[in-house]
Amino acid sequence: MCNFLLIITLIYVLAKLFGLIAWSWLLVFMPLIAWIIWNVFLIGLGIVIRLHEKGRHE
């Protein structure tokens, strides 16, 4: 999944630089931003679960 999103982002960046698309840079980097947000969510969820489990055992 990560490689796919990075390849899509690279294609969008190249298309933007060569003038093939007139999107904003935010839209160009949206696949990468979505991947980062997803990973931050998963890490946060893991931390919450770990803290919840730790609280149950005390």
Protein backbone atom coordinates (compact mmCIF):
# COMPACT_ATOMS: atom_id res chain seq x y z
CA MET A 1 0.00 0.00 0.00
CA CYS A 2 2.79 2.38 0.92
CA ASN A 3 4.62 1.84 -2.37
CA PHE A 4 1.43 2.41 -4.35
CA LEU A 5 0.75 5.73 -2.63
CA LEU A 6 4.35 6.86 -3.08
CA ILE A 7 4.26 6.01 -6.79
CA ILE A 8 0.95 7.85 -7.24
CA THR A 9 2.40 10.88 -5.43
CA LEU A 10 5.50 10.78 -7.63
CA ILE A 11 3.35 10.62 -10.76
CA TYR A 12 1.27 13.58 -9.57
CA VAL A 13 4.40 15.61 -8.73
CA LEU A 14 5.92 14.95 -12.14
CA ALA A 15 2.64 15.78 -13.87
CA LYS A 16 2.43 19.04 -11.92
CA LEU A 17 6.05 19.97 -12.70
CA PHE A 18 5.58 19.26 -16.42
CA GLY A 19 2.34 21.26 -16.51
CA LEU A 20 0.07 18.33 -17.31
CA ILE A 21 -2.23 19.09 -14.38
CA ALA A 22 -3.15 22.40 -12.78
CA TRP A 23 -3.98 21.04 -9.33
CA SER A 24 -2.89 22.73 -6.14
CA TRP A 25 0.15 21.26 -4.40
CA LEU A 26 -2.12 20.13 -1.57
CA LEU A 27 -4.00 17.86 -3.97
CA VAL A 28 -0.75 16.63 -5.50
CA PHE A 29 0.55 15.50 -2.10
CA MET A 30 -2.82 14.23 -0.82
CA PRO A 31 -1.96 10.49 -1.18
CA LEU A 32 1.17 11.02 0.92
CA ILE A 33 -0.70 13.14 3.45
CA ALA A 34 -3.43 10.48 3.74
CA TRP A 35 -0.77 7.79 4.31
CA ILE A 36 0.85 9.86 7.07
CA ILE A 37 -2.51 10.56 8.74
CA TRP A 38 -3.41 6.85 8.60
CA ASN A 39 -0.10 5.85 10.22
CA VAL A 40 -0.46 8.48 12.95
CA PHE A 41 -3.97 7.15 13.62
CA LEU A 42 -2.71 3.57 13.89
CA ILE A 43 0.13 4.55 16.22
CA GLY A 44 -2.27 6.54 18.39
CA LEU A 45 -4.70 3.63 18.48
CA GLY A 46 -1.90 1.30 19.51
CA ILE A 47 -0.88 3.66 22.31
CA VAL A 48 -4.47 3.94 23.57
CA ILE A 49 -4.92 0.16 23.54
CA ARG A 50 -1.58 -0.35 25.32
CA LEU A 51 -2.46 2.19 28.01
CA HIS A 52 -5.90 0.65 28.42
CA GLU A 53 -4.42 -2.84 28.83
CA LYS A 54 -1.79 -1.55 31.24
CA GLY A 55 -4.51 0.14 33.35
CA ARG A 56 -6.52 -3.08 33.57
CA HIS A 57 -3.63 -5.06 35.01
CA GLU A 58 -2.85 -2.65 37.83
